[in-house]
Protein backbone atom coordinates (compact mmCIF):
# COMPACT_ATOMS: atom_id res chain seq x y z
CA MET A 1 -0.03 0.06 -0.04
CA GLN A 2 2.75 2.38 0.86
CA ARG A 3 4.40 1.09 -2.11
CA ARG A 4 1.04 2.31 -4.49
CA ILE A 5 1.20 6.07 -2.33
CA THR A 6 4.62 6.62 -2.91
CA THR A 7 4.41 5.51 -6.97
CA ALA A 8 1.27 7.89 -6.74
CA ALA A 9 2.67 10.75 -5.43
CA LEU A 10 5.95 10.19 -7.94
CA LEU A 11 3.73 10.78 -10.82
CA LEU A 12 1.80 13.60 -9.49
CA THR A 13 4.74 15.29 -8.72
CA LEU A 14 6.47 14.66 -12.56
CA ILE A 15 2.83 15.78 -14.36
CA ALA A 16 2.73 18.71 -11.99
CA THR A 17 6.54 19.33 -12.71
CA ALA A 18 5.59 19.29 -16.81
CA ILE A 19 2.44 21.53 -15.79
CA ALA A 20 4.36 23.90 -14.07
CA GLN A 21 7.63 24.56 -16.91
CA ASP A 22 3.85 25.32 -19.13
CA VAL A 23 5.07 28.67 -20.48
CA SER A 24 2.38 30.39 -23.12
CA VAL A 25 0.46 33.57 -23.98
CA SER A 26 -2.97 33.82 -23.05
CA PRO A 27 -5.42 35.30 -24.32
CA ARG A 28 -5.16 35.15 -28.08
CA PRO A 29 -8.57 36.74 -29.01
CA TYR A 30 -9.90 36.05 -32.43
CA PHE A 31 -12.70 38.96 -31.66
CA ALA A 32 -11.32 41.76 -30.40
CA VAL A 33 -13.03 44.28 -28.41
CA SER A 34 -12.83 48.02 -28.55
CA PRO A 35 -11.77 50.09 -25.34
CA ASP A 36 -15.47 51.00 -24.64
CA GLY A 37 -16.22 47.38 -24.53
CA HIS A 38 -18.95 47.78 -27.54
CA ALA A 39 -17.31 47.03 -30.72
CA LYS A 40 -16.01 43.75 -31.60
CA SER A 41 -13.71 43.17 -34.25
CA ARG A 42 -12.64 39.94 -36.00
CA THR A 43 -9.15 39.66 -36.91
CA LEU A 44 -7.80 38.07 -40.15
CA PHE A 45 -4.40 37.15 -39.11
CA SER A 46 -3.64 37.23 -35.29
CA PRO A 47 -0.16 35.46 -34.44
CA LYS A 48 0.24 35.36 -30.95
CA PRO A 49 3.44 37.54 -29.32
CA GLU A 50 6.61 35.32 -28.98
CA TYR A 51 7.92 34.35 -25.63
CA PRO A 52 11.64 35.37 -25.73
CA GLU A 53 14.30 32.22 -24.62
CA SER A 54 16.25 35.02 -22.16
CA VAL A 55 12.82 35.54 -20.49
CA ARG A 56 11.41 32.70 -20.07
CA LYS A 57 14.90 31.24 -18.93
CA ARG A 58 14.62 33.83 -16.07
CA GLY A 59 10.55 32.40 -15.40
CA LEU A 60 9.84 35.80 -15.62
CA GLY A 61 6.49 36.46 -16.56
CA GLY A 62 4.05 39.06 -16.17
CA LYS A 63 0.52 40.50 -18.23
CA GLY A 64 0.07 43.52 -19.92
CA GLU A 65 -2.65 45.58 -22.02
CA PHE A 66 -2.02 47.18 -25.29
CA LEU A 67 -3.96 49.33 -27.62
CA MET A 68 -3.99 48.52 -31.07
CA HIS A 69 -4.33 51.62 -33.52
CA VAL A 70 -6.40 49.94 -36.44
CA ASP A 71 -6.49 51.84 -40.03
CA ARG A 72 -9.87 51.03 -40.58
CA PRO A 73 -10.40 51.16 -44.65
CA THR A 74 -7.62 48.36 -44.71
CA GLY A 75 -7.60 46.56 -41.16
CA LYS A 76 -4.08 46.71 -40.97
CA VAL A 77 -2.63 47.80 -37.67
CA ASN A 78 -0.96 51.43 -37.71
CA SER A 79 0.63 51.46 -34.06
CA VAL A 80 0.53 49.73 -30.33
CA ASP A 81 0.43 52.05 -27.13
CA VAL A 82 1.28 49.81 -23.75
CA ALA A 83 -1.46 50.84 -21.29
CA LYS A 84 -0.30 48.84 -19.22
CA SER A 85 3.41 47.43 -19.11
CA THR A 86 4.08 43.64 -18.27
CA GLY A 87 6.41 44.68 -16.38
CA VAL A 88 9.41 43.10 -18.11
CA PRO A 89 10.35 45.45 -21.78
CA ALA A 90 11.21 42.07 -23.58
CA LEU A 91 7.84 41.35 -23.09
CA ASP A 92 5.96 44.28 -24.19
CA GLU A 93 8.99 44.40 -27.58
CA SER A 94 7.34 40.84 -28.53
CA CYS A 95 3.56 42.44 -27.98
CA ILE A 96 4.21 45.00 -30.13
CA ARG A 97 6.12 43.08 -32.34
CA ALA A 98 3.17 41.05 -32.88
CA PHE A 99 0.17 43.47 -32.69
CA LEU A 100 1.93 45.15 -36.19
CA GLN A 101 1.52 41.77 -37.49
CA TRP A 102 -2.39 41.71 -36.54
CA ARG A 103 -4.90 42.10 -39.89
CA PHE A 104 -8.75 42.42 -39.08
CA VAL A 105 -11.44 42.14 -41.61
CA PRO A 106 -11.29 45.83 -43.52
CA LYS A 107 -14.02 48.57 -42.59
CA THR A 108 -15.54 46.53 -39.44
CA ALA A 109 -12.44 46.49 -37.17
CA ALA A 110 -12.78 49.54 -34.52
CA PRO A 111 -9.96 52.22 -34.68
CA ILE A 112 -8.54 51.49 -31.21
CA ILE A 113 -8.66 47.46 -29.79
CA HIS A 114 -7.97 46.96 -26.33
CA CYS A 115 -5.63 43.28 -26.07
CA PRO A 116 -5.27 42.50 -22.50
CA VAL A 117 -2.07 39.28 -22.36
CA ARG A 118 -0.81 37.54 -19.63
CA PHE A 119 2.74 35.73 -20.17
CA TYR A 120 2.65 32.63 -17.92
CA ALA A 121 6.04 31.39 -15.97
CA HIS A 122 5.78 29.33 -13.50
CA ALA A 123 9.51 27.87 -13.42
CA PRO A 124 12.36 28.02 -15.87
CA ARG A 125 12.25 25.63 -18.69
CA ASN A 126 14.72 22.78 -18.38
CA GLN A 127 17.19 22.65 -21.25
């Protein structure tokens, strides 16, 4: 009985460690909402920000908020403002690079899109 409990505890520890090392960016909206919360804009292309390896190795994470300024006739993002920093400059820069690539359905997007982002870093990834 004791051996089964020890084996089960070891297995749960291994699973918990694997989950803790999972680092992801969330959410990745396909429908973005304007800052006033009313207008919804559907994305045509929305790559998620990359998690820089140098930041991931240190186990750094954070959450921030970004404002995308959209050219309504084309659906292209012209600029991105940091409304609330993630607290890690490299993560903010990664978000800005990604959001400048986003494309919305032309003529339907709100002129300003609010996008909250969270980088989860529970533990540094093993090499």
